[in-house]
Amino acid sequence: MSTSRELPTPDTHCFDEDTKRDVWSYSPELVRTMLEAATADTARKCVEVCERQVASRLEGRRLGDRTLGEADGADACAAAIRSAFPAAFNHEQSK
């Protein structure tokens, strides 16, 4: 699963006197908008993972699998999210 996304065109322009070049960069507002969009995308994906996990667990119960308890639902969902988005959790492994 790829987490990369295309960046928008920079929206802030200035002339760098030191290098004598036009410089384009991202305004704080645009960076905030990009981060909010990325966070919302990730949140939606996490909800989808949890919903699939819950559906799977409910199907298991319907089929008579009594090993699936209510208390481990959050742990199972967290494990499913970690499995679906391993790159997001790589920093934890390096500690």
PDB file of N, CA and C in Angstrom:
ATOM      1  N   MET A   1       0.848  -1.173   0.000  1.00  0.00           N
ATOM      2  CA  MET A   1       0.000   0.000   0.000  1.00  0.00           C
ATOM      3  C   MET A   1       0.889   1.230   0.000  1.00  0.00           C
ATOM      4  N   SER A   2       0.692   2.105  -0.946  1.00  0.00           N
ATOM      5  CA  SER A   2       1.508   3.304  -1.052  1.00  0.00           C
ATOM      6  C   SER A   2       0.884   4.431  -0.249  1.00  0.00           C
ATOM      7  N   THR A   3       1.721   5.160   0.442  1.00  0.00           N
ATOM      8  CA  THR A   3       1.225   6.308   1.200  1.00  0.00           C
ATOM      9  C   THR A   3       1.696   7.615   0.586  1.00  0.00           C
ATOM     10  N   SER A   4       2.341   7.550  -0.591  1.00  0.00           N
ATOM     11  CA  SER A   4       2.832   8.771  -1.216  1.00  0.00           C
ATOM     12  C   SER A   4       1.680   9.493  -1.903  1.00  0.00           C
ATOM     13  N   ARG A   5       1.858  10.771  -2.056  1.00  0.00           N
ATOM     14  CA  ARG A   5       0.854  11.576  -2.730  1.00  0.00           C
ATOM     15  C   ARG A   5       1.560  12.712  -3.465  1.00  0.00           C
ATOM     16  N   GLU A   6       0.908  13.189  -4.507  1.00  0.00           N
ATOM     17  CA  GLU A   6       1.449  14.305  -5.273  1.00  0.00           C
ATOM     18  C   GLU A   6       1.344  15.584  -4.441  1.00  0.00           C
ATOM     19  N   LEU A   7       2.405  16.350  -4.452  1.00  0.00           N
ATOM     20  CA  LEU A   7       2.367  17.627  -3.753  1.00  0.00           C
ATOM     21  C   LEU A   7       1.796  18.696  -4.675  1.00  0.00           C
ATOM     22  N   PRO A   8       1.047  19.628  -4.118  1.00  0.00           N
ATOM     23  CA  PRO A   8       0.528  20.713  -4.949  1.00  0.00           C
ATOM     24  C   PRO A   8       1.652  21.677  -5.328  1.00  0.00           C
ATOM     25  N   THR A   9       1.351  22.562  -6.215  1.00  0.00           N
ATOM     26  CA  THR A   9       2.316  23.586  -6.611  1.00  0.00           C
ATOM     27  C   THR A   9       2.554  24.518  -5.421  1.00  0.00           C
ATOM     28  N   PRO A  10       3.812  24.859  -5.134  1.00  0.00           N
ATOM     29  CA  PRO A  10       4.074  25.811  -4.044  1.00  0.00           C
ATOM     30  C   PRO A  10       3.311  27.111  -4.278  1.00  0.00           C
ATOM     31  N   ASP A  11       2.906  27.731  -3.214  1.00  0.00           N
ATOM     32  CA  ASP A  11       2.044  28.911  -3.335  1.00  0.00           C
ATOM     33  C   ASP A  11       2.665  30.208  -2.826  1.00  0.00           C
ATOM     34  N   THR A  12       3.908  30.167  -2.420  1.00  0.00           N
ATOM     35  CA  THR A  12       4.549  31.363  -1.881  1.00  0.00           C
ATOM     36  C   THR A  12       5.802  31.667  -2.689  1.00  0.00           C
ATOM     37  N   HIS A  13       5.879  32.885  -3.188  1.00  0.00           N
ATOM     38  CA  HIS A  13       6.991  33.271  -4.048  1.00  0.00           C
ATOM     39  C   HIS A  13       7.781  34.410  -3.415  1.00  0.00           C
ATOM     40  N   CYS A  14       9.098  34.334  -3.569  1.00  0.00           N
ATOM     41  CA  CYS A  14       9.939  35.466  -3.179  1.00  0.00           C
ATOM     42  C   CYS A  14      11.219  35.423  -4.017  1.00  0.00           C
ATOM     43  N   PHE A  15      11.964  36.493  -3.975  1.00  0.00           N
ATOM     44  CA  PHE A  15      13.239  36.545  -4.684  1.00  0.00           C
ATOM     45  C   PHE A  15      14.344  36.458  -3.648  1.00  0.00           C
ATOM     46  N   ASP A  16      15.220  35.465  -3.796  1.00  0.00           N
ATOM     47  CA  ASP A  16      16.324  35.255  -2.866  1.00  0.00           C
ATOM     48  C   ASP A  16      17.488  36.142  -3.312  1.00  0.00           C
ATOM     49  N   GLU A  17      17.771  37.167  -2.526  1.00  0.00           N
ATOM     50  CA  GLU A  17      18.847  38.108  -2.859  1.00  0.00           C
ATOM     51  C   GLU A  17      20.210  37.436  -2.844  1.00  0.00           C
ATOM     52  N   ASP A  18      20.411  36.457  -1.983  1.00  0.00           N
ATOM     53  CA  ASP A  18      21.711  35.782  -1.895  1.00  0.00           C
ATOM     54  C   ASP A  18      22.020  34.981  -3.158  1.00  0.00           C
ATOM     55  N   THR A  19      21.047  34.248  -3.637  1.00  0.00           N
ATOM     56  CA  THR A  19      21.274  33.398  -4.812  1.00  0.00           C
ATOM     57  C   THR A  19      20.815  34.048  -6.103  1.00  0.00           C
ATOM     58  N   LYS A  20      20.126  35.183  -5.979  1.00  0.00           N
ATOM     59  CA  LYS A  20      19.572  35.899  -7.139  1.00  0.00           C
ATOM     60  C   LYS A  20      18.630  35.003  -7.950  1.00  0.00           C
ATOM     61  N   ARG A  21      17.794  34.278  -7.217  1.00  0.00           N
ATOM     62  CA  ARG A  21      16.847  33.364  -7.843  1.00  0.00           C
ATOM     63  C   ARG A  21      15.446  33.586  -7.293  1.00  0.00           C
ATOM     64  N   ASP A  22      14.481  33.239  -8.154  1.00  0.00           N
ATOM     65  CA  ASP A  22      13.106  33.158  -7.671  1.00  0.00           C
ATOM     66  C   ASP A  22      12.988  31.894  -6.840  1.00  0.00           C
ATOM     67  N   VAL A  23      12.308  32.001  -5.719  1.00  0.00           N
ATOM     68  CA  VAL A  23      12.142  30.857  -4.831  1.00  0.00           C
ATOM     69  C   VAL A  23      10.652  30.679  -4.559  1.00  0.00           C
ATOM     70  N   TRP A  24      10.211  29.455  -4.735  1.00  0.00           N
ATOM     71  CA  TRP A  24       8.828  29.110  -4.424  1.00  0.00           C
ATOM     72  C   TRP A  24       8.822  28.155  -3.236  1.00  0.00           C
ATOM     73  N   SER A  25       7.869  28.328  -2.353  1.00  0.00           N
ATOM     74  CA  SER A  25       7.758  27.450  -1.190  1.00  0.00           C
ATOM     75  C   SER A  25       6.284  27.289  -0.820  1.00  0.00           C
ATOM     76  N   TYR A  26       6.053  26.516   0.230  1.00  0.00           N
ATOM     77  CA  TYR A  26       4.692  26.270   0.700  1.00  0.00           C
ATOM     78  C   TYR A  26       4.382  27.168   1.893  1.00  0.00           C
ATOM     79  N   SER A  27       3.230  27.810   1.830  1.00  0.00           N
ATOM     80  CA  SER A  27       2.798  28.636   2.949  1.00  0.00           C
ATOM     81  C   SER A  27       2.392  27.732   4.106  1.00  0.00           C
ATOM     82  N   PRO A  28       2.437  28.251   5.333  1.00  0.00           N
ATOM     83  CA  PRO A  28       1.970  27.456   6.476  1.00  0.00           C
ATOM     84  C   PRO A  28       0.526  26.983   6.304  1.00  0.00           C
ATOM     85  N   GLU A  29      -0.301  27.804   5.685  1.00  0.00           N
ATOM     86  CA  GLU A  29      -1.698  27.431   5.479  1.00  0.00           C
ATOM     87  C   GLU A  29      -1.813  26.227   4.543  1.00  0.00           C
ATOM     88  N   LEU A  30      -1.016  26.227   3.452  1.00  0.00           N
ATOM     89  CA  LEU A  30      -1.068  25.110   2.511  1.00  0.00           C
ATOM     90  C   LEU A  30      -0.514  23.839   3.141  1.00  0.00           C
ATOM     91  N   VAL A  31       0.548  23.957   3.922  1.00  0.00           N
ATOM     92  CA  VAL A  31       1.104  22.792   4.611  1.00  0.00           C
ATOM     93  C   VAL A  31       0.070  22.229   5.581  1.00  0.00           C
ATOM     94  N   ARG A  32      -0.606  23.094   6.311  1.00  0.00           N
ATOM     95  CA  ARG A  32      -1.645  22.655   7.246  1.00  0.00           C
ATOM     96  C   ARG A  32      -2.766  21.928   6.504  1.00  0.00           C
ATOM     97  N   THR A  33      -3.171  22.465   5.358  1.00  0.00           N
ATOM     98  CA  THR A  33      -4.214  21.836   4.555  1.00  0.00           C
ATOM     99  C   THR A  33      -3.775  20.456   4.068  1.00  0.00           C
ATOM    100  N   MET A  34      -2.521  20.342   3.619  1.00  0.00           N
ATOM    101  CA  MET A  34      -2.001  19.048   3.153  1.00  0.00           C
ATOM    102  C   MET A  34      -1.967  18.032   4.294  1.00  0.00           C
ATOM    103  N   LEU A  35      -1.531  18.472   5.480  1.00  0.00           N
ATOM    104  CA  LEU A  35      -1.478  17.564   6.630  1.00  0.00           C
ATOM    105  C   LEU A  35      -2.868  17.124   7.069  1.00  0.00           C
ATOM    106  N   GLU A  36      -3.808  18.052   7.069  1.00  0.00           N
ATOM    107  CA  GLU A  36      -5.183  17.704   7.443  1.00  0.00           C
ATOM    108  C   GLU A  36      -5.765  16.693   6.464  1.00  0.00           C
ATOM    109  N   ALA A  37      -5.494  16.871   5.170  1.00  0.00           N
ATOM    110  CA  ALA A  37      -5.998  15.925   4.166  1.00  0.00           C
ATOM    111  C   ALA A  37      -5.368  14.549   4.353  1.00  0.00           C
ATOM    112  N   ALA A  38      -4.065  14.517   4.606  1.00  0.00           N
ATOM    113  CA  ALA A  38      -3.375  13.237   4.811  1.00  0.00           C
ATOM    114  C   ALA A  38      -3.894  12.539   6.062  1.00  0.00           C
ATOM    115  N   THR A  39      -4.122  13.304   7.116  1.00  0.00           N
ATOM    116  CA  THR A  39      -4.643  12.739   8.364  1.00  0.00           C
ATOM    117  C   THR A  39      -6.046  12.184   8.158  1.00  0.00           C
ATOM    118  N   ALA A  40      -6.871  12.920   7.430  1.00  0.00           N
ATOM    119  CA  ALA A  40      -8.240  12.453   7.165  1.00  0.00           C
ATOM    120  C   ALA A  40      -8.224  11.178   6.326  1.00  0.00           C
ATOM    121  N   ASP A  41      -7.348  11.122   5.318  1.00  0.00           N
ATOM    122  CA  ASP A  41      -7.230   9.907   4.500  1.00  0.00           C
ATOM    123  C   ASP A  41      -6.839   8.712   5.356  1.00  0.00           C
ATOM    124  N   THR A  42      -5.850   8.906   6.211  1.00  0.00           N
ATOM    125  CA  THR A  42      -5.384   7.820   7.073  1.00  0.00           C
ATOM    126  C   THR A  42      -6.476   7.395   8.043  1.00  0.00           C
ATOM    127  N   ALA A  43      -7.185   8.357   8.600  1.00  0.00           N
ATOM    128  CA  ALA A  43      -8.267   8.025   9.536  1.00  0.00           C
ATOM    129  C   ALA A  43      -9.344   7.198   8.836  1.00  0.00           C
ATOM    130  N   ARG A  44      -9.706   7.582   7.609  1.00  0.00           N
ATOM    131  CA  ARG A  44     -10.712   6.816   6.872  1.00  0.00           C
ATOM    132  C   ARG A  44     -10.221   5.392   6.608  1.00  0.00           C
ATOM    133  N   LYS A  45      -8.945   5.258   6.244  1.00  0.00           N
ATOM    134  CA  LYS A  45      -8.384   3.933   5.980  1.00  0.00           C
ATOM    135  C   LYS A  45      -8.373   3.088   7.253  1.00  0.00           C
ATOM    136  N   CYS A  46      -8.044   3.701   8.379  1.00  0.00           N
ATOM    137  CA  CYS A  46      -8.040   2.973   9.656  1.00  0.00           C
ATOM    138  C   CYS A  46      -9.445   2.502  10.017  1.00  0.00           C
ATOM    139  N   VAL A  47     -10.429   3.347   9.798  1.00  0.00           N
ATOM    140  CA  VAL A  47     -11.809   2.956  10.071  1.00  0.00           C
ATOM    141  C   VAL A  47     -12.199   1.777   9.185  1.00  0.00           C
ATOM    142  N   GLU A  48     -11.789   1.819   7.911  1.00  0.00           N
ATOM    143  CA  GLU A  48     -12.095   0.700   7.012  1.00  0.00           C
ATOM    144  C   GLU A  48     -11.458  -0.596   7.509  1.00  0.00           C
ATOM    145  N   VAL A  49     -10.214  -0.511   7.978  1.00  0.00           N
ATOM    146  CA  VAL A  49      -9.536  -1.702   8.510  1.00  0.00           C
ATOM    147  C   VAL A  49     -10.303  -2.239   9.714  1.00  0.00           C
ATOM    148  N   CYS A  50     -10.681  -1.364  10.628  1.00  0.00           N
ATOM    149  CA  CYS A  50     -11.421  -1.796  11.820  1.00  0.00           C
ATOM    150  C   CYS A  50     -12.768  -2.389  11.443  1.00  0.00           C
ATOM    151  N   GLU A  51     -13.458  -1.781  10.485  1.00  0.00           N
ATOM    152  CA  GLU A  51     -14.756  -2.311  10.076  1.00  0.00           C
ATOM    153  C   GLU A  51     -14.611  -3.703   9.480  1.00  0.00           C
ATOM    154  N   ARG A  52     -13.563  -3.912   8.665  1.00  0.00           N
ATOM    155  CA  ARG A  52     -13.328  -5.254   8.114  1.00  0.00           C
ATOM    156  C   ARG A  52     -13.011  -6.244   9.232  1.00  0.00           C
ATOM    157  N   GLN A  53     -12.226  -5.790  10.214  1.00  0.00           N
ATOM    158  CA  GLN A  53     -11.864  -6.658  11.336  1.00  0.00           C
ATOM    159  C   GLN A  53     -13.107  -7.043  12.131  1.00  0.00           C
ATOM    160  N   VAL A  54     -13.976  -6.082  12.403  1.00  0.00           N
ATOM    161  CA  VAL A  54     -15.203  -6.354  13.155  1.00  0.00           C
ATOM    162  C   VAL A  54     -16.094  -7.307  12.366  1.00  0.00           C
ATOM    163  N   ALA A  55     -16.237  -7.063  11.064  1.00  0.00           N
ATOM    164  CA  ALA A  55     -17.073  -7.937  10.234  1.00  0.00           C
ATOM    165  C   ALA A  55     -16.535  -9.362  10.247  1.00  0.00           C
ATOM    166  N   SER A  56     -15.225  -9.491  10.170  1.00  0.00           N
ATOM    167  CA  SER A  56     -14.604 -10.805  10.192  1.00  0.00           C
ATOM    168  C   SER A  56     -14.858 -11.501  11.523  1.00  0.00           C
ATOM    169  N   ARG A  57     -14.729 -10.757  12.614  1.00  0.00           N
ATOM    170  CA  ARG A  57     -14.935 -11.328  13.942  1.00  0.00           C
ATOM    171  C   ARG A  57     -16.406 -11.725  14.134  1.00  0.00           C
ATOM    172  N   LEU A  58     -17.327 -10.890  13.641  1.00  0.00           N
ATOM    173  CA  LEU A  58     -18.743 -11.226  13.754  1.00  0.00           C
ATOM    174  C   LEU A  58     -19.071 -12.477  12.939  1.00  0.00           C
ATOM    175  N   GLU A  59     -18.473 -12.598  11.761  1.00  0.00           N
ATOM    176  CA  GLU A  59     -18.687 -13.791  10.946  1.00  0.00           C
ATOM    177  C   GLU A  59     -18.162 -15.024  11.676  1.00  0.00           C
ATOM    178  N   GLY A  60     -17.013 -14.897  12.340  1.00  0.00           N
ATOM    179  CA  GLY A  60     -16.467 -16.009  13.121  1.00  0.00           C
ATOM    180  C   GLY A  60     -17.401 -16.425  14.236  1.00  0.00           C
ATOM    181  N   ARG A  61     -17.986 -15.459  14.915  1.00  0.00           N
ATOM    182  CA  ARG A  61     -18.945 -15.779  15.984  1.00  0.00           C
ATOM    183  C   ARG A  61     -20.178 -16.461  15.414  1.00  0.00           C
ATOM    184  N   ARG A  62     -20.639 -15.955  14.267  1.00  0.00           N
ATOM    185  CA  ARG A  62     -21.827 -16.532  13.648  1.00  0.00           C
ATOM    186  C   ARG A  62     -21.578 -17.994  13.297  1.00  0.00           C
ATOM    187  N   LEU A  63     -20.335 -18.300  12.941  1.00  0.00           N
ATOM    188  CA  LEU A  63     -19.997 -19.673  12.587  1.00  0.00           C
ATOM    189  C   LEU A  63     -19.656 -20.520  13.809  1.00  0.00           C
ATOM    190  N   GLY A  64     -19.777 -19.933  14.994  1.00  0.00           N
ATOM    191  CA  GLY A  64     -19.600 -20.709  16.207  1.00  0.00           C
ATOM    192  C   GLY A  64     -18.209 -20.646  16.821  1.00  0.00           C
ATOM    193  N   ASP A  65     -17.374 -19.719  16.387  1.00  0.00           N
ATOM    194  CA  ASP A  65     -16.027 -19.594  16.951  1.00  0.00           C
ATOM    195  C   ASP A  65     -16.127 -18.820  18.260  1.00  0.00           C
ATOM    196  N   ARG A  66     -16.097 -19.500  19.373  1.00  0.00           N
ATOM    197  CA  ARG A  66     -16.261 -18.876  20.692  1.00  0.00           C
ATOM    198  C   ARG A  66     -14.938 -18.356  21.252  1.00  0.00           C
ATOM    199  N   THR A  67     -13.845 -18.479  20.533  1.00  0.00           N
ATOM    200  CA  THR A  67     -12.551 -17.999  21.040  1.00  0.00           C
ATOM    201  C   THR A  67     -12.407 -16.490  20.873  1.00  0.00           C
ATOM    202  N   LEU A  68     -13.327 -15.877  20.172  1.00  0.00           N
ATOM    203  CA  LEU A  68     -13.242 -14.438  19.933  1.00  0.00           C
ATOM    204  C   LEU A  68     -14.011 -13.695  21.019  1.00  0.00           C
ATOM    205  N   GLY A  69     -13.293 -13.135  21.972  1.00  0.00           N
ATOM    206  CA  GLY A  69     -13.939 -12.423  23.073  1.00  0.00           C
ATOM    207  C   GLY A  69     -14.104 -10.950  22.789  1.00  0.00           C
ATOM    208  N   GLU A  70     -14.995 -10.314  23.512  1.00  0.00           N
ATOM    209  CA  GLU A  70     -15.237  -8.884  23.345  1.00  0.00           C
ATOM    210  C   GLU A  70     -14.040  -8.042  23.772  1.00  0.00           C
ATOM    211  N   ALA A  71     -13.334  -8.464  24.798  1.00  0.00           N
ATOM    212  CA  ALA A  71     -12.269  -7.641  25.370  1.00  0.00           C
ATOM    213  C   ALA A  71     -11.098  -7.431  24.425  1.00  0.00           C
ATOM    214  N   ASP A  72     -10.878  -8.346  23.504  1.00  0.00           N
ATOM    215  CA  ASP A  72      -9.713  -8.203  22.637  1.00  0.00           C
ATOM    216  C   ASP A  72     -10.029  -7.488  21.332  1.00  0.00           C
ATOM    217  N   GLY A  73     -11.204  -6.919  21.197  1.00  0.00           N
ATOM    218  CA  GLY A  73     -11.582  -6.216  19.970  1.00  0.00           C
ATOM    219  C   GLY A  73     -10.665  -5.056  19.632  1.00  0.00           C
ATOM    220  N   ALA A  74     -10.339  -4.232  20.614  1.00  0.00           N
ATOM    221  CA  ALA A  74      -9.465  -3.082  20.359  1.00  0.00           C
ATOM    222  C   ALA A  74      -8.060  -3.535  19.985  1.00  0.00           C
ATOM    223  N   ASP A  75      -7.560  -4.556  20.674  1.00  0.00           N
ATOM    224  CA  ASP A  75      -6.228  -5.073  20.345  1.00  0.00           C
ATOM    225  C   ASP A  75      -6.196  -5.651  18.940  1.00  0.00           C
ATOM    226  N   ALA A  76      -7.240  -6.353  18.562  1.00  0.00           N
ATOM    227  CA  ALA A  76      -7.297  -6.942  17.227  1.00  0.00           C
ATOM    228  C   ALA A  76      -7.350  -5.859  16.157  1.00  0.00           C
ATOM    229  N   CYS A  77      -8.100  -4.805  16.427  1.00  0.00           N
ATOM    230  CA  CYS A  77      -8.194  -3.705  15.468  1.00  0.00           C
ATOM    231  C   CYS A  77      -6.847  -2.999  15.352  1.00  0.00           C
ATOM    232  N   ALA A  78      -6.182  -2.764  16.486  1.00  0.00           N
ATOM    233  CA  ALA A  78      -4.862  -2.130  16.456  1.00  0.00           C
ATOM    234  C   ALA A  78      -3.871  -2.986  15.682  1.00  0.00           C
ATOM    235  N   ALA A  79      -3.921  -4.281  15.880  1.00  0.00           N
ATOM    236  CA  ALA A  79      -3.026  -5.179  15.148  1.00  0.00           C
ATOM    237  C   ALA A  79      -3.327  -5.144  13.655  1.00  0.00           C
ATOM    238  N   ALA A  80      -4.605  -5.061  13.302  1.00  0.00           N
ATOM    239  CA  ALA A  80      -4.981  -4.991  11.891  1.00  0.00           C
ATOM    240  C   ALA A  80      -4.492  -3.700  11.257  1.00  0.00           C
ATOM    241  N   ILE A  81      -4.584  -2.597  11.990  1.00  0.00           N
ATOM    242  CA  ILE A  81      -4.098  -1.314  11.473  1.00  0.00           C
ATOM    243  C   ILE A  81      -2.584  -1.363  11.301  1.00  0.00           C
ATOM    244  N   ARG A  82      -1.876  -1.891  12.294  1.00  0.00           N
ATOM    245  CA  ARG A  82      -0.421  -2.017  12.175  1.00  0.00           C
ATOM    246  C   ARG A  82      -0.041  -2.878  10.970  1.00  0.00           C
ATOM    247  N   SER A  83      -0.817  -3.919  10.723  1.00  0.00           N
ATOM    248  CA  SER A  83      -0.547  -4.799   9.597  1.00  0.00           C
ATOM    249  C   SER A  83      -0.817  -4.093   8.265  1.00  0.00           C
ATOM    250  N   ALA A  84      -1.865  -3.283   8.208  1.00  0.00           N
ATOM    251  CA  ALA A  84      -2.234  -2.594   6.975  1.00  0.00           C
ATOM    252  C   ALA A  84      -1.335  -1.404   6.669  1.00  0.00           C
ATOM    253  N   PHE A  85      -0.757  -0.794   7.705  1.00  0.00           N
ATOM    254  CA  PHE A  85       0.083   0.396   7.536  1.00  0.00           C
ATOM    255  C   PHE A  85       1.437   0.206   8.219  1.00  0.00           C
ATOM    256  N   PRO A  86       2.227  -0.799   7.823  1.00  0.00           N
ATOM    257  CA  PRO A  86       3.478  -1.069   8.533  1.00  0.00           C
ATOM    258  C   PRO A  86       4.451   0.102   8.522  1.00  0.00           C
ATOM    259  N   ALA A  87       4.496   0.861   7.453  1.00  0.00           N
ATOM    260  CA  ALA A  87       5.441   1.979   7.371  1.00  0.00           C
ATOM    261  C   ALA A  87       5.163   3.034   8.441  1.00  0.00           C
ATOM    262  N   ALA A  88       3.920   3.155   8.844  1.00  0.00           N
ATOM    263  CA  ALA A  88       3.566   4.150   9.854  1.00  0.00           C
ATOM    264  C   ALA A  88       4.095   3.779  11.224  1.00  0.00           C
ATOM    265  N   PHE A  89       4.447   2.509  11.418  1.00  0.00           N
ATOM    266  CA  PHE A  89       4.880   2.052  12.735  1.00  0.00           C
ATOM    267  C   PHE A  89       6.336   1.624  12.761  1.00  0.00           C
ATOM    268  N   ASN A  90       7.065   1.808  11.664  1.00  0.00           N
ATOM    269  CA  ASN A  90       8.465   1.418  11.618  1.00  0.00           C
ATOM    270  C   ASN A  90       9.319   2.128  12.650  1.00  0.00           C
ATOM    271  N   HIS A  91       8.984   3.372  12.985  1.00  0.00           N
ATOM    272  CA  HIS A  91       9.766   4.131  13.954  1.00  0.00           C
ATOM    273  C   HIS A  91       9.727   3.491  15.331  1.00  0.00           C
ATOM    274  N   GLU A  92       8.631   2.799  15.664  1.00  0.00           N
ATOM    275  CA  GLU A  92       8.526   2.150  16.969  1.00  0.00           C
ATOM    276  C   GLU A  92       9.514   0.985  17.087  1.00  0.00           C
ATOM    277  N   GLN A  93       9.753   0.309  15.972  1.00  0.00           N
ATOM    278  CA  GLN A  93      10.657  -0.841  15.986  1.00  0.00           C
ATOM    279  C   GLN A  93      12.104  -0.422  16.152  1.00  0.00           C
ATOM    280  N   SER A  94      12.444   0.812  15.757  1.00  0.00           N
ATOM    281  CA  SER A  94      13.835   1.253  15.819  1.00  0.00           C
ATOM    282  C   SER A  94      14.212   1.792  17.185  1.00  0.00           C
ATOM    283  N   LYS A  95      13.266   1.908  18.100  1.00  0.00           N
ATOM    284  CA  LYS A  95      13.551   2.450  19.439  1.00  0.00           C
ATOM    285  C   LYS A  95      14.248   1.424  20.289  1.00  0.00           C
TER     286      LYS A  95
END
